[in-house]
PDB file of N, CA and C in Angstrom:
ATOM      1  N   MET A   1       0.852  -1.176   0.000  1.00  0.00           N
ATOM      2  CA  MET A   1       0.000   0.000   0.000  1.00  0.00           C
ATOM      3  C   MET A   1       0.894   1.234   0.000  1.00  0.00           C
ATOM      4  N   ILE A   2       0.544   2.192  -0.826  1.00  0.00           N
ATOM      5  CA  ILE A   2       1.286   3.442  -0.869  1.00  0.00           C
ATOM      6  C   ILE A   2       0.468   4.546  -0.196  1.00  0.00           C
ATOM      7  N   ARG A   3       1.104   5.686   0.024  1.00  0.00           N
ATOM      8  CA  ARG A   3       0.471   6.767   0.782  1.00  0.00           C
ATOM      9  C   ARG A   3      -0.882   7.174   0.186  1.00  0.00           C
ATOM     10  N   SER A   4      -0.957   7.319  -1.129  1.00  0.00           N
ATOM     11  CA  SER A   4      -2.221   7.748  -1.754  1.00  0.00           C
ATOM     12  C   SER A   4      -3.323   6.711  -1.565  1.00  0.00           C
ATOM     13  N   GLU A   5      -2.966   5.429  -1.573  1.00  0.00           N
ATOM     14  CA  GLU A   5      -3.962   4.375  -1.329  1.00  0.00           C
ATOM     15  C   GLU A   5      -4.454   4.423   0.120  1.00  0.00           C
ATOM     16  N   LEU A   6      -3.550   4.700   1.044  1.00  0.00           N
ATOM     17  CA  LEU A   6      -3.933   4.836   2.455  1.00  0.00           C
ATOM     18  C   LEU A   6      -4.893   6.002   2.637  1.00  0.00           C
ATOM     19  N   ILE A   7      -4.568   7.126   2.032  1.00  0.00           N
ATOM     20  CA  ILE A   7      -5.427   8.310   2.122  1.00  0.00           C
ATOM     21  C   ILE A   7      -6.799   8.017   1.540  1.00  0.00           C
ATOM     22  N   GLN A   8      -6.844   7.359   0.392  1.00  0.00           N
ATOM     23  CA  GLN A   8      -8.119   7.044  -0.258  1.00  0.00           C
ATOM     24  C   GLN A   8      -8.945   6.090   0.600  1.00  0.00           C
ATOM     25  N   LYS A   9      -8.299   5.081   1.192  1.00  0.00           N
ATOM     26  CA  LYS A   9      -9.022   4.112   2.030  1.00  0.00           C
ATOM     27  C   LYS A   9      -9.625   4.797   3.260  1.00  0.00           C
ATOM     28  N   ILE A  10      -8.857   5.658   3.908  1.00  0.00           N
ATOM     29  CA  ILE A  10      -9.367   6.368   5.083  1.00  0.00           C
ATOM     30  C   ILE A  10     -10.510   7.296   4.687  1.00  0.00           C
ATOM     31  N   ALA A  11     -10.366   7.980   3.558  1.00  0.00           N
ATOM     32  CA  ALA A  11     -11.415   8.887   3.081  1.00  0.00           C
ATOM     33  C   ALA A  11     -12.692   8.110   2.751  1.00  0.00           C
ATOM     34  N   ASP A  12     -12.549   6.931   2.156  1.00  0.00           N
ATOM     35  CA  ASP A  12     -13.716   6.109   1.814  1.00  0.00           C
ATOM     36  C   ASP A  12     -14.436   5.606   3.064  1.00  0.00           C
ATOM     37  N   GLU A  13     -13.666   5.271   4.102  1.00  0.00           N
ATOM     38  CA  GLU A  13     -14.261   4.752   5.335  1.00  0.00           C
ATOM     39  C   GLU A  13     -14.824   5.863   6.223  1.00  0.00           C
ATOM     40  N   ASN A  14     -14.472   7.110   5.933  1.00  0.00           N
ATOM     41  CA  ASN A  14     -14.947   8.247   6.722  1.00  0.00           C
ATOM     42  C   ASN A  14     -15.510   9.312   5.785  1.00  0.00           C
ATOM     43  N   PRO A  15     -16.721   9.073   5.250  1.00  0.00           N
ATOM     44  CA  PRO A  15     -17.278  10.008   4.262  1.00  0.00           C
ATOM     45  C   PRO A  15     -17.563  11.403   4.820  1.00  0.00           C
ATOM     46  N   HIS A  16     -17.587  11.546   6.133  1.00  0.00           N
ATOM     47  CA  HIS A  16     -17.830  12.858   6.731  1.00  0.00           C
ATOM     48  C   HIS A  16     -16.580  13.743   6.702  1.00  0.00           C
ATOM     49  N   LEU A  17     -15.425  13.176   6.322  1.00  0.00           N
ATOM     50  CA  LEU A  17     -14.184  13.951   6.237  1.00  0.00           C
ATOM     51  C   LEU A  17     -13.861  14.259   4.773  1.00  0.00           C
ATOM     52  N   TYR A  18     -13.381  15.465   4.533  1.00  0.00           N
ATOM     53  CA  TYR A  18     -12.922  15.811   3.189  1.00  0.00           C
ATOM     54  C   TYR A  18     -11.598  15.101   2.925  1.00  0.00           C
ATOM     55  N   GLN A  19     -11.368  14.747   1.650  1.00  0.00           N
ATOM     56  CA  GLN A  19     -10.134  14.049   1.297  1.00  0.00           C
ATOM     57  C   GLN A  19      -8.905  14.909   1.611  1.00  0.00           C
ATOM     58  N   ARG A  20      -8.996  16.220   1.422  1.00  0.00           N
ATOM     59  CA  ARG A  20      -7.845  17.087   1.714  1.00  0.00           C
ATOM     60  C   ARG A  20      -7.517  17.074   3.207  1.00  0.00           C
ATOM     61  N   ASP A  21      -8.546  16.933   4.065  1.00  0.00           N
ATOM     62  CA  ASP A  21      -8.305  16.847   5.499  1.00  0.00           C
ATOM     63  C   ASP A  21      -7.645  15.521   5.867  1.00  0.00           C
ATOM     64  N   VAL A  22      -8.102  14.447   5.241  1.00  0.00           N
ATOM     65  CA  VAL A  22      -7.508  13.131   5.486  1.00  0.00           C
ATOM     66  C   VAL A  22      -6.045  13.147   5.051  1.00  0.00           C
ATOM     67  N   GLU A  23      -5.776  13.754   3.905  1.00  0.00           N
ATOM     68  CA  GLU A  23      -4.403  13.842   3.411  1.00  0.00           C
ATOM     69  C   GLU A  23      -3.525  14.635   4.382  1.00  0.00           C
ATOM     70  N   ARG A  24      -4.063  15.714   4.919  1.00  0.00           N
ATOM     71  CA  ARG A  24      -3.312  16.527   5.881  1.00  0.00           C
ATOM     72  C   ARG A  24      -3.033  15.722   7.158  1.00  0.00           C
ATOM     73  N   ILE A  25      -4.005  14.935   7.610  1.00  0.00           N
ATOM     74  CA  ILE A  25      -3.831  14.117   8.809  1.00  0.00           C
ATOM     75  C   ILE A  25      -2.730  13.073   8.599  1.00  0.00           C
ATOM     76  N   VAL A  26      -2.813  12.352   7.478  1.00  0.00           N
ATOM     77  CA  VAL A  26      -1.825  11.311   7.193  1.00  0.00           C
ATOM     78  C   VAL A  26      -0.431  11.920   7.073  1.00  0.00           C
ATOM     79  N   ASN A  27      -0.309  13.028   6.366  1.00  0.00           N
ATOM     80  CA  ASN A  27       0.990  13.684   6.212  1.00  0.00           C
ATOM     81  C   ASN A  27       1.534  14.159   7.555  1.00  0.00           C
ATOM     82  N   THR A  28       0.660  14.669   8.424  1.00  0.00           N
ATOM     83  CA  THR A  28       1.085  15.126   9.748  1.00  0.00           C
ATOM     84  C   THR A  28       1.611  13.972  10.583  1.00  0.00           C
ATOM     85  N   VAL A  29       0.930  12.833  10.537  1.00  0.00           N
ATOM     86  CA  VAL A  29       1.379  11.660  11.293  1.00  0.00           C
ATOM     87  C   VAL A  29       2.765  11.228  10.818  1.00  0.00           C
ATOM     88  N   PHE A  30       2.948  11.132   9.499  1.00  0.00           N
ATOM     89  CA  PHE A  30       4.248  10.722   8.972  1.00  0.00           C
ATOM     90  C   PHE A  30       5.334  11.737   9.304  1.00  0.00           C
ATOM     91  N   GLU A  31       5.017  13.007   9.247  1.00  0.00           N
ATOM     92  CA  GLU A  31       5.998  14.047   9.574  1.00  0.00           C
ATOM     93  C   GLU A  31       6.405  13.967  11.045  1.00  0.00           C
ATOM     94  N   GLU A  32       5.436  13.729  11.921  1.00  0.00           N
ATOM     95  CA  GLU A  32       5.751  13.634  13.349  1.00  0.00           C
ATOM     96  C   GLU A  32       6.619  12.417  13.645  1.00  0.00           C
ATOM     97  N   VAL A  33       6.339  11.289  12.999  1.00  0.00           N
ATOM     98  CA  VAL A  33       7.166  10.092  13.182  1.00  0.00           C
ATOM     99  C   VAL A  33       8.584  10.379  12.692  1.00  0.00           C
ATOM    100  N   THR A  34       8.696  10.999  11.524  1.00  0.00           N
ATOM    101  CA  THR A  34      10.007  11.333  10.957  1.00  0.00           C
ATOM    102  C   THR A  34      10.769  12.300  11.848  1.00  0.00           C
ATOM    103  N   ASP A  35      10.093  13.351  12.327  1.00  0.00           N
ATOM    104  CA  ASP A  35      10.746  14.336  13.193  1.00  0.00           C
ATOM    105  C   ASP A  35      11.223  13.702  14.506  1.00  0.00           C
ATOM    106  N   ALA A  36      10.400  12.833  15.077  1.00  0.00           N
ATOM    107  CA  ALA A  36      10.777  12.168  16.330  1.00  0.00           C
ATOM    108  C   ALA A  36      12.007  11.284  16.111  1.00  0.00           C
ATOM    109  N   MET A  37      12.043  10.559  15.014  1.00  0.00           N
ATOM    110  CA  MET A  37      13.195   9.706  14.735  1.00  0.00           C
ATOM    111  C   MET A  37      14.438  10.539  14.442  1.00  0.00           C
ATOM    112  N   ALA A  38      14.271  11.682  13.791  1.00  0.00           N
ATOM    113  CA  ALA A  38      15.405  12.562  13.509  1.00  0.00           C
ATOM    114  C   ALA A  38      16.015  13.088  14.809  1.00  0.00           C
ATOM    115  N   ARG A  39      15.194  13.244  15.839  1.00  0.00           N
ATOM    116  CA  ARG A  39      15.682  13.670  17.152  1.00  0.00           C
ATOM    117  C   ARG A  39      16.298  12.503  17.926  1.00  0.00           C
ATOM    118  N   GLY A  40      16.150  11.283  17.403  1.00  0.00           N
ATOM    119  CA  GLY A  40      16.680  10.100  18.079  1.00  0.00           C
ATOM    120  C   GLY A  40      15.683   9.437  18.994  1.00  0.00           C
ATOM    121  N   ASP A  41      14.425   9.908  18.957  1.00  0.00           N
ATOM    122  CA  ASP A  41      13.383   9.325  19.811  1.00  0.00           C
ATOM    123  C   ASP A  41      12.850   8.032  19.209  1.00  0.00           C
ATOM    124  N   ARG A  42      12.196   7.264  20.058  1.00  0.00           N
ATOM    125  CA  ARG A  42      11.544   6.014  19.650  1.00  0.00           C
ATOM    126  C   ARG A  42      10.057   6.302  19.488  1.00  0.00           C
ATOM    127  N   VAL A  43       9.448   5.752  18.443  1.00  0.00           N
ATOM    128  CA  VAL A  43       8.013   5.937  18.204  1.00  0.00           C
ATOM    129  C   VAL A  43       7.352   4.569  18.282  1.00  0.00           C
ATOM    130  N   GLU A  44       6.419   4.424  19.218  1.00  0.00           N
ATOM    131  CA  GLU A  44       5.755   3.138  19.410  1.00  0.00           C
ATOM    132  C   GLU A  44       4.279   3.261  19.087  1.00  0.00           C
ATOM    133  N   LEU A  45       3.794   2.364  18.229  1.00  0.00           N
ATOM    134  CA  LEU A  45       2.380   2.274  17.903  1.00  0.00           C
ATOM    135  C   LEU A  45       1.910   0.921  18.436  1.00  0.00           C
ATOM    136  N   ARG A  46       1.210   0.942  19.558  1.00  0.00           N
ATOM    137  CA  ARG A  46       0.804  -0.294  20.243  1.00  0.00           C
ATOM    138  C   ARG A  46       0.094  -1.249  19.293  1.00  0.00           C
ATOM    139  N   GLY A  47       0.513  -2.499  19.332  1.00  0.00           N
ATOM    140  CA  GLY A  47      -0.085  -3.525  18.501  1.00  0.00           C
ATOM    141  C   GLY A  47       0.486  -3.576  17.098  1.00  0.00           C
ATOM    142  N   PHE A  48       1.161  -2.518  16.666  1.00  0.00           N
ATOM    143  CA  PHE A  48       1.732  -2.466  15.322  1.00  0.00           C
ATOM    144  C   PHE A  48       3.240  -2.656  15.364  1.00  0.00           C
ATOM    145  N   GLY A  49       3.921  -1.799  16.119  1.00  0.00           N
ATOM    146  CA  GLY A  49       5.367  -1.923  16.204  1.00  0.00           C
ATOM    147  C   GLY A  49       6.011  -0.653  16.697  1.00  0.00           C
ATOM    148  N   ALA A  50       7.332  -0.652  16.674  1.00  0.00           N
ATOM    149  CA  ALA A  50       8.086   0.494  17.171  1.00  0.00           C
ATOM    150  C   ALA A  50       9.164   0.871  16.157  1.00  0.00           C
ATOM    151  N   PHE A  51       9.264   2.169  15.904  1.00  0.00           N
ATOM    152  CA  PHE A  51      10.297   2.714  15.045  1.00  0.00           C
ATOM    153  C   PHE A  51      11.381   3.293  15.933  1.00  0.00           C
ATOM    154  N   SER A  52      12.633   3.011  15.614  1.00  0.00           N
ATOM    155  CA  SER A  52      13.736   3.581  16.370  1.00  0.00           C
ATOM    156  C   SER A  52      14.902   3.835  15.425  1.00  0.00           C
ATOM    157  N   VAL A  53      15.945   4.430  15.976  1.00  0.00           N
ATOM    158  CA  VAL A  53      17.129   4.747  15.188  1.00  0.00           C
ATOM    159  C   VAL A  53      18.299   3.982  15.775  1.00  0.00           C
ATOM    160  N   LYS A  54      19.048   3.316  14.909  1.00  0.00           N
ATOM    161  CA  LYS A  54      20.247   2.605  15.348  1.00  0.00           C
ATOM    162  C   LYS A  54      21.461   3.271  14.715  1.00  0.00           C
ATOM    163  N   LYS A  55      22.533   3.311  15.488  1.00  0.00           N
ATOM    164  CA  LYS A  55      23.758   3.934  15.014  1.00  0.00           C
ATOM    165  C   LYS A  55      24.704   2.851  14.505  1.00  0.00           C
ATOM    166  N   ARG A  56      25.207   3.042  13.300  1.00  0.00           N
ATOM    167  CA  ARG A  56      26.198   2.121  12.740  1.00  0.00           C
ATOM    168  C   ARG A  56      27.558   2.803  12.800  1.00  0.00           C
ATOM    169  N   ASP A  57      28.527   2.119  13.357  1.00  0.00           N
ATOM    170  CA  ASP A  57      29.866   2.671  13.497  1.00  0.00           C
ATOM    171  C   ASP A  57      30.573   2.778  12.152  1.00  0.00           C
ATOM    172  N   ALA A  58      31.585   3.626  12.111  1.00  0.00           N
ATOM    173  CA  ALA A  58      32.408   3.753  10.912  1.00  0.00           C
ATOM    174  C   ALA A  58      33.150   2.432  10.705  1.00  0.00           C
ATOM    175  N   ARG A  59      33.422   2.116   9.448  1.00  0.00           N
ATOM    176  CA  ARG A  59      34.103   0.852   9.157  1.00  0.00           C
ATOM    177  C   ARG A  59      34.822   0.959   7.828  1.00  0.00           C
ATOM    178  N   VAL A  60      35.618  -0.045   7.547  1.00  0.00           N
ATOM    179  CA  VAL A  60      36.286  -0.127   6.254  1.00  0.00           C
ATOM    180  C   VAL A  60      35.454  -1.055   5.385  1.00  0.00           C
ATOM    181  N   GLY A  61      34.992  -0.537   4.243  1.00  0.00           N
ATOM    182  CA  GLY A  61      34.192  -1.330   3.325  1.00  0.00           C
ATOM    183  C   GLY A  61      34.973  -1.620   2.057  1.00  0.00           C
ATOM    184  N   ARG A  62      34.292  -2.231   1.098  1.00  0.00           N
ATOM    185  CA  ARG A  62      34.928  -2.580  -0.158  1.00  0.00           C
ATOM    186  C   ARG A  62      34.009  -2.218  -1.301  1.00  0.00           C
ATOM    187  N   ASN A  63      34.550  -1.564  -2.306  1.00  0.00           N
ATOM    188  CA  ASN A  63      33.792  -1.249  -3.505  1.00  0.00           C
ATOM    189  C   ASN A  63      33.617  -2.549  -4.295  1.00  0.00           C
ATOM    190  N   PRO A  64      32.378  -3.024  -4.478  1.00  0.00           N
ATOM    191  CA  PRO A  64      32.184  -4.323  -5.137  1.00  0.00           C
ATOM    192  C   PRO A  64      32.595  -4.312  -6.617  1.00  0.00           C
ATOM    193  N   ARG A  65      32.588  -3.154  -7.239  1.00  0.00           N
ATOM    194  CA  ARG A  65      32.940  -3.079  -8.658  1.00  0.00           C
ATOM    195  C   ARG A  65      34.449  -3.162  -8.879  1.00  0.00           C
ATOM    196  N   THR A  66      35.207  -2.401  -8.062  1.00  0.00           N
ATOM    197  CA  THR A  66      36.661  -2.337  -8.273  1.00  0.00           C
ATOM    198  C   THR A  66      37.443  -3.164  -7.271  1.00  0.00           C
ATOM    199  N   GLY A  67      36.845  -3.483  -6.138  1.00  0.00           N
ATOM    200  CA  GLY A  67      37.527  -4.267  -5.119  1.00  0.00           C
ATOM    201  C   GLY A  67      38.374  -3.434  -4.175  1.00  0.00           C
ATOM    202  N   GLU A  68      38.468  -2.113  -4.404  1.00  0.00           N
ATOM    203  CA  GLU A  68      39.283  -1.276  -3.525  1.00  0.00           C
ATOM    204  C   GLU A  68      38.562  -1.013  -2.214  1.00  0.00           C
ATOM    205  N   THR A  69      39.357  -0.787  -1.169  1.00  0.00           N
ATOM    206  CA  THR A  69      38.766  -0.514   0.137  1.00  0.00           C
ATOM    207  C   THR A  69      38.395   0.963   0.242  1.00  0.00           C
ATOM    208  N   VAL A  70      37.293   1.217   0.939  1.00  0.00           N
ATOM    209  CA  VAL A  70      36.821   2.584   1.137  1.00  0.00           C
ATOM    210  C   VAL A  70      36.398   2.750   2.593  1.00  0.00           C
ATOM    211  N   GLN A  71      36.515   3.968   3.087  1.00  0.00           N
ATOM    212  CA  GLN A  71      36.065   4.278   4.440  1.00  0.00           C
ATOM    213  C   GLN A  71      34.565   4.571   4.406  1.00  0.00           C
ATOM    214  N   VAL A  72      33.814   3.892   5.236  1.00  0.00           N
ATOM    215  CA  VAL A  72      32.386   4.136   5.361  1.00  0.00           C
ATOM    216  C   VAL A  72      32.185   4.881   6.674  1.00  0.00           C
ATOM    217  N   GLU A  73      31.598   6.077   6.594  1.00  0.00           N
ATOM    218  CA  GLU A  73      31.400   6.897   7.784  1.00  0.00           C
ATOM    219  C   GLU A  73      30.326   6.294   8.690  1.00  0.00           C
ATOM    220  N   GLU A  74      30.338   6.702   9.959  1.00  0.00           N
ATOM    221  CA  GLU A  74      29.278   6.252  10.861  1.00  0.00           C
ATOM    222  C   GLU A  74      27.970   6.905  10.416  1.00  0.00           C
ATOM    223  N   LYS A  75      26.884   6.204  10.642  1.00  0.00           N
ATOM    224  CA  LYS A  75      25.587   6.726  10.223  1.00  0.00           C
ATOM    225  C   LYS A  75      24.482   6.168  11.092  1.00  0.00           C
ATOM    226  N   CYS A  76      23.355   6.846  11.042  1.00  0.00           N
ATOM    227  CA  CYS A  76      22.153   6.401  11.747  1.00  0.00           C
ATOM    228  C   CYS A  76      21.192   5.815  10.722  1.00  0.00           C
ATOM    229  N   VAL A  77      20.581   4.693  11.075  1.00  0.00           N
ATOM    230  CA  VAL A  77      19.644   4.038  10.171  1.00  0.00           C
ATOM    231  C   VAL A  77      18.325   3.777  10.892  1.00  0.00           C
ATOM    232  N   PRO A  78      17.195   3.866  10.173  1.00  0.00           N
ATOM    233  CA  PRO A  78      15.905   3.579  10.801  1.00  0.00           C
ATOM    234  C   PRO A  78      15.758   2.072  11.041  1.00  0.00           C
ATOM    235  N   PHE A  79      15.050   1.731  12.106  1.00  0.00           N
ATOM    236  CA  PHE A  79      14.837   0.336  12.468  1.00  0.00           C
ATOM    237  C   PHE A  79      13.386   0.172  12.893  1.00  0.00           C
ATOM    238  N   PHE A  80      12.740  -0.898  12.449  1.00  0.00           N
ATOM    239  CA  PHE A  80      11.358  -1.171  12.816  1.00  0.00           C
ATOM    240  C   PHE A  80      11.270  -2.548  13.443  1.00  0.00           C
ATOM    241  N   LYS A  81      10.645  -2.603  14.604  1.00  0.00           N
ATOM    242  CA  LYS A  81      10.409  -3.880  15.276  1.00  0.00           C
ATOM    243  C   LYS A  81       8.908  -4.075  15.377  1.00  0.00           C
ATOM    244  N   THR A  82       8.420  -5.188  14.856  1.00  0.00           N
ATOM    245  CA  THR A  82       6.979  -5.430  14.859  1.00  0.00           C
ATOM    246  C   THR A  82       6.476  -5.686  16.270  1.00  0.00           C
ATOM    247  N   GLY A  83       5.226  -5.312  16.486  1.00  0.00           N
ATOM    248  CA  GLY A  83       4.568  -5.582  17.754  1.00  0.00           C
ATOM    249  C   GLY A  83       4.043  -7.009  17.778  1.00  0.00           C
ATOM    250  N   LYS A  84       3.743  -7.502  18.956  1.00  0.00           N
ATOM    251  CA  LYS A  84       3.271  -8.882  19.102  1.00  0.00           C
ATOM    252  C   LYS A  84       1.979  -9.123  18.337  1.00  0.00           C
ATOM    253  N   LEU A  85       1.032  -8.186  18.383  1.00  0.00           N
ATOM    254  CA  LEU A  85      -0.245  -8.357  17.695  1.00  0.00           C
ATOM    255  C   LEU A  85      -0.050  -8.478  16.189  1.00  0.00           C
ATOM    256  N   LEU A  86       0.780  -7.631  15.604  1.00  0.00           N
ATOM    257  CA  LEU A  86       1.058  -7.697  14.164  1.00  0.00           C
ATOM    258  C   LEU A  86       1.752  -9.003  13.818  1.00  0.00           C
ATOM    259  N   ARG A  87       2.725  -9.395  14.602  1.00  0.00           N
ATOM    260  CA  ARG A  87       3.449 -10.641  14.345  1.00  0.00           C
ATOM    261  C   ARG A  87       2.493 -11.830  14.388  1.00  0.00           C
ATOM    262  N   ASP A  88       1.574 -11.838  15.379  1.00  0.00           N
ATOM    263  CA  ASP A  88       0.616 -12.937  15.487  1.00  0.00           C
ATOM    264  C   ASP A  88      -0.328 -12.962  14.294  1.00  0.00           C
ATOM    265  N   ARG A  89      -0.787 -11.802  13.839  1.00  0.00           N
ATOM    266  CA  ARG A  89      -1.694 -11.758  12.670  1.00  0.00           C
ATOM    267  C   ARG A  89      -0.995 -12.246  11.413  1.00  0.00           C
ATOM    268  N   LEU A  90       0.273 -11.892  11.256  1.00  0.00           N
ATOM    269  CA  LEU A  90       1.021 -12.332  10.073  1.00  0.00           C
ATOM    270  C   LEU A  90       1.221 -13.841  10.072  1.00  0.00           C
ATOM    271  N   ASN A  91       1.301 -14.437  11.268  1.00  0.00           N
ATOM    272  CA  ASN A  91       1.527 -15.870  11.385  1.00  0.00           C
ATOM    273  C   ASN A  91       0.240 -16.650  11.577  1.00  0.00           C
ATOM    274  N   GLY A  92      -0.917 -15.988  11.401  1.00  0.00           N
ATOM    275  CA  GLY A  92      -2.203 -16.677  11.454  1.00  0.00           C
ATOM    276  C   GLY A  92      -2.652 -17.100  12.838  1.00  0.00           C
ATOM    277  N   LYS A  93      -2.131 -16.460  13.872  1.00  0.00           N
ATOM    278  CA  LYS A  93      -2.491 -16.843  15.238  1.00  0.00           C
ATOM    279  C   LYS A  93      -3.625 -15.988  15.803  1.00  0.00           C
ATOM    280  N   ALA A  94      -3.971 -14.911  15.118  1.00  0.00           N
ATOM    281  CA  ALA A  94      -5.018 -14.027  15.663  1.00  0.00           C
ATOM    282  C   ALA A  94      -6.125 -13.849  14.655  1.00  0.00           C
TER     283      ALA A  94
END
């Protein structure tokens, strides 16, 4: 599912809301999650999962095309851990 499909589904299920309002709500939620992660905070959606940021240390890597070694700087990467309810639904337990 992509963002526009999510917006359309929410708008269809809530005919009392204008589509532009639904779009603003969805965009605000995504922006808040992104901003919280940029600050290094953890975002937890009960039953769905938790978004967090993990730090990867600097290391020596290898260019796969040429085989030469390159320095890879330290960086932060997004990480998602599924919640128990989502994991159970995916495995047919709920």
